[in-house]
C-alpha cells in the first residue's frame, strides 16, 4: 500500500494544492511495516494536476489536513482513499499512527467556511 502526505517545509501542509513536496511511503499494512519512503517535489499548482500525479505514482491513500472538493473527487474516482483533518504532527508519526490503527481524522479544513480551498 502506498501512502502520500503533502508537505510544506517538511511538515504536513495546510494546503494540499500548495504543497512543496509529497512524502510517499510504501507499507505492508498487515505487518504494520514501512517498506520504503521517498520525498518528491510537487508539480505546479494547476487544478486537477496533483491528484492525477498522485494516481500515476500508484497512491492508495492520501493523508492530509485538508483537501478541496475537486481533488477529493478525482482521487475518489480512482479509488484512492482520502483521510483529512489529521492532527498537524510529524509525517512519520502520522504514518505510524495509521499503520497501528490509531490515526484520528477530523473535519476537512477545506470544508470550513472562508478557508478558500477550491481545488
C-alpha atoms as a PDB file:
ATOM      1  CA  UNK A   1       0.000   0.000   0.000  1.00  0.00           C
ATOM      2  CA  UNK A   2       1.334   3.409  -0.970  1.00  0.00           C
ATOM      3  CA  UNK A   3       0.520   6.441   1.176  1.00  0.00           C
ATOM      4  CA  UNK A   4       1.065  10.076   0.181  1.00  0.00           C
ATOM      5  CA  UNK A   5       1.339  13.009   2.603  1.00  0.00           C
ATOM      6  CA  UNK A   6       1.539  16.624   1.340  1.00  0.00           C
ATOM      7  CA  UNK A   7       4.443  18.570   2.860  1.00  0.00           C
ATOM      8  CA  UNK A   8       5.447  22.200   3.194  1.00  0.00           C
ATOM      9  CA  UNK A   9       8.712  22.918   4.940  1.00  0.00           C
ATOM     10  CA  UNK A  10       8.994  19.269   5.993  1.00  0.00           C
ATOM     11  CA  UNK A  11       5.676  19.341   7.893  1.00  0.00           C
ATOM     12  CA  UNK A  12       2.192  18.256   6.863  1.00  0.00           C
ATOM     13  CA  UNK A  13       0.961  21.006   4.573  1.00  0.00           C
ATOM     14  CA  UNK A  14      -2.063  23.117   5.493  1.00  0.00           C
ATOM     15  CA  UNK A  15      -2.952  23.417   1.795  1.00  0.00           C
ATOM     16  CA  UNK A  16      -2.830  20.202  -0.266  1.00  0.00           C
ATOM     17  CA  UNK A  17      -2.702  22.055  -3.586  1.00  0.00           C
ATOM     18  CA  UNK A  18       0.090  24.365  -2.447  1.00  0.00           C
ATOM     19  CA  UNK A  19       2.379  21.663  -1.055  1.00  0.00           C
ATOM     20  CA  UNK A  20       6.092  21.930  -1.817  1.00  0.00           C
ATOM     21  CA  UNK A  21       6.650  18.189  -1.702  1.00  0.00           C
ATOM     22  CA  UNK A  22       4.922  14.867  -1.131  1.00  0.00           C
ATOM     23  CA  UNK A  23       6.119  12.102   1.125  1.00  0.00           C
ATOM     24  CA  UNK A  24       5.496   8.695  -0.436  1.00  0.00           C
ATOM     25  CA  UNK A  25       5.514   5.759   1.965  1.00  0.00           C
ATOM     26  CA  UNK A  26       5.299   2.156   0.797  1.00  0.00           C
ATOM     27  CA  UNK A  27       3.866  -0.038   3.538  1.00  0.00           C
ATOM     28  CA  UNK A  28       2.830  -3.559   4.412  1.00  0.00           C
ATOM     29  CA  UNK A  29      -0.343  -2.835   6.398  1.00  0.00           C
ATOM     30  CA  UNK A  30      -0.762  -6.443   7.520  1.00  0.00           C
ATOM     31  CA  UNK A  31       2.689  -6.483   9.102  1.00  0.00           C
ATOM     32  CA  UNK A  32       2.422  -2.777  10.014  1.00  0.00           C
ATOM     33  CA  UNK A  33       5.771  -2.125   8.369  1.00  0.00           C
ATOM     34  CA  UNK A  34       7.239   0.731   6.384  1.00  0.00           C
ATOM     35  CA  UNK A  35       8.953  -0.763   3.343  1.00  0.00           C
ATOM     36  CA  UNK A  36      10.332   2.459   1.909  1.00  0.00           C
ATOM     37  CA  UNK A  37       9.972   6.236   1.882  1.00  0.00           C
ATOM     38  CA  UNK A  38      10.848   8.978  -0.535  1.00  0.00           C
ATOM     39  CA  UNK A  39      10.052  12.647  -0.951  1.00  0.00           C
ATOM     40  CA  UNK A  40       9.348  14.199  -4.331  1.00  0.00           C
ATOM     41  CA  UNK A  41       8.795  17.799  -5.316  1.00  0.00           C
ATOM     42  CA  UNK A  42       5.156  18.521  -6.050  1.00  0.00           C
ATOM     43  CA  UNK A  43       4.104  19.502  -9.561  1.00  0.00           C
ATOM     44  CA  UNK A  44       2.836  23.001 -10.275  1.00  0.00           C
ATOM     45  CA  UNK A  45      -0.433  24.048  -8.657  1.00  0.00           C
ATOM     46  CA  UNK A  46      -2.833  23.569 -11.527  1.00  0.00           C
ATOM     47  CA  UNK A  47      -6.367  22.417 -10.619  1.00  0.00           C
ATOM     48  CA  UNK A  48      -6.612  18.640 -11.002  1.00  0.00           C
ATOM     49  CA  UNK A  49      -2.909  18.093 -11.738  1.00  0.00           C
ATOM     50  CA  UNK A  50      -1.711  16.948  -8.300  1.00  0.00           C
ATOM     51  CA  UNK A  51      -4.425  14.284  -7.850  1.00  0.00           C
ATOM     52  CA  UNK A  52      -3.656  12.846 -11.301  1.00  0.00           C
ATOM     53  CA  UNK A  53       0.086  12.919 -10.489  1.00  0.00           C
ATOM     54  CA  UNK A  54      -0.559  11.008  -7.243  1.00  0.00           C
ATOM     55  CA  UNK A  55      -2.639   8.423  -9.111  1.00  0.00           C
ATOM     56  CA  UNK A  56       0.219   7.997 -11.629  1.00  0.00           C
ATOM     57  CA  UNK A  57       2.513   7.380  -8.634  1.00  0.00           C
ATOM     58  CA  UNK A  58       0.297   4.470  -7.533  1.00  0.00           C
ATOM     59  CA  UNK A  59      -1.013   6.092  -4.354  1.00  0.00           C
ATOM     60  CA  UNK A  60      -3.675   4.166  -2.438  1.00  0.00           C
ATOM     61  CA  UNK A  61      -4.221   6.627   0.429  1.00  0.00           C
ATOM     62  CA  UNK A  62      -3.733  10.367   0.913  1.00  0.00           C
ATOM     63  CA  UNK A  63      -3.366  11.647   4.474  1.00  0.00           C
ATOM     64  CA  UNK A  64      -3.879  15.414   4.701  1.00  0.00           C
ATOM     65  CA  UNK A  65      -5.141  18.254   6.852  1.00  0.00           C
ATOM     66  CA  UNK A  66      -7.447  19.465   4.127  1.00  0.00           C
ATOM     67  CA  UNK A  67      -8.280  18.756   0.527  1.00  0.00           C
ATOM     68  CA  UNK A  68     -10.544  20.672  -1.847  1.00  0.00           C
ATOM     69  CA  UNK A  69     -13.638  19.074  -3.356  1.00  0.00           C
ATOM     70  CA  UNK A  70     -12.192  18.795  -6.881  1.00  0.00           C
ATOM     71  CA  UNK A  71      -9.080  16.964  -5.658  1.00  0.00           C
ATOM     72  CA  UNK A  72     -11.189  14.666  -3.454  1.00  0.00           C
ATOM     73  CA  UNK A  73     -13.453  13.829  -6.396  1.00  0.00           C
ATOM     74  CA  UNK A  74     -10.562  12.996  -8.752  1.00  0.00           C
ATOM     75  CA  UNK A  75      -8.860  10.813  -6.132  1.00  0.00           C
ATOM     76  CA  UNK A  76     -12.070   9.061  -5.083  1.00  0.00           C
ATOM     77  CA  UNK A  77     -12.968   8.310  -8.709  1.00  0.00           C
ATOM     78  CA  UNK A  78      -9.697   6.352  -8.907  1.00  0.00           C
ATOM     79  CA  UNK A  79     -10.368   4.502  -5.621  1.00  0.00           C
ATOM     80  CA  UNK A  80      -7.788   6.500  -3.673  1.00  0.00           C
ATOM     81  CA  UNK A  81      -8.827   6.746  -0.023  1.00  0.00           C
ATOM     82  CA  UNK A  82      -8.585  10.246   1.436  1.00  0.00           C
ATOM     83  CA  UNK A  83      -8.136  10.873   5.164  1.00  0.00           C
ATOM     84  CA  UNK A  84      -8.445  14.537   6.127  1.00  0.00           C
ATOM     85  CA  UNK A  85      -8.447  16.543   9.312  1.00  0.00           C
ATOM     86  CA  UNK A  86      -5.483  14.666  10.735  1.00  0.00           C
ATOM     87  CA  UNK A  87      -3.622  16.306  13.603  1.00  0.00           C
ATOM     88  CA  UNK A  88      -0.790  18.568  12.441  1.00  0.00           C
ATOM     89  CA  UNK A  89       2.014  16.270  13.531  1.00  0.00           C
ATOM     90  CA  UNK A  90       5.254  14.975  12.135  1.00  0.00           C
ATOM     91  CA  UNK A  91       4.615  12.998   8.931  1.00  0.00           C
ATOM     92  CA  UNK A  92       6.357   9.888  10.308  1.00  0.00           C
ATOM     93  CA  UNK A  93       4.101   9.945  13.385  1.00  0.00           C
ATOM     94  CA  UNK A  94       1.009  10.098  11.164  1.00  0.00           C
ATOM     95  CA  UNK A  95       2.192   7.087   9.167  1.00  0.00           C
ATOM     96  CA  UNK A  96       2.942   5.159  12.348  1.00  0.00           C
ATOM     97  CA  UNK A  97      -0.473   6.004  13.793  1.00  0.00           C
ATOM     98  CA  UNK A  98      -2.151   4.946  10.541  1.00  0.00           C
ATOM     99  CA  UNK A  99      -0.359   1.588  10.454  1.00  0.00           C
ATOM    100  CA  UNK A 100      -1.278   0.971  14.097  1.00  0.00           C
ATOM    101  CA  UNK A 101      -4.955   1.933  13.631  1.00  0.00           C
ATOM    102  CA  UNK A 102      -4.500   4.991  15.863  1.00  0.00           C
ATOM    103  CA  UNK A 103      -4.796   7.783  13.297  1.00  0.00           C
ATOM    104  CA  UNK A 104      -7.645  10.101  14.142  1.00  0.00           C
ATOM    105  CA  UNK A 105      -9.121  12.085  11.310  1.00  0.00           C
ATOM    106  CA  UNK A 106     -11.435  15.022  11.785  1.00  0.00           C
ATOM    107  CA  UNK A 107     -13.081  17.727   9.786  1.00  0.00           C
ATOM    108  CA  UNK A 108     -11.528  18.695   6.485  1.00  0.00           C
ATOM    109  CA  UNK A 109     -10.121  22.210   6.953  1.00  0.00           C
ATOM    110  CA  UNK A 110     -11.090  22.938   3.356  1.00  0.00           C
ATOM    111  CA  UNK A 111     -14.737  22.422   4.264  1.00  0.00           C
ATOM    112  CA  UNK A 112     -14.628  25.257   6.797  1.00  0.00           C
ATOM    113  CA  UNK A 113     -16.307  28.486   5.754  1.00  0.00           C
ATOM    114  CA  UNK A 114     -13.927  31.057   4.377  1.00  0.00           C
ATOM    115  CA  UNK A 115     -10.930  28.746   4.130  1.00  0.00           C
ATOM    116  CA  UNK A 116     -10.629  29.084   0.367  1.00  0.00           C
ATOM    117  CA  UNK A 117      -9.694  25.542  -0.678  1.00  0.00           C
ATOM    118  CA  UNK A 118     -11.389  25.294  -4.011  1.00  0.00           C
ATOM    119  CA  UNK A 119      -9.066  22.951  -5.920  1.00  0.00           C
END
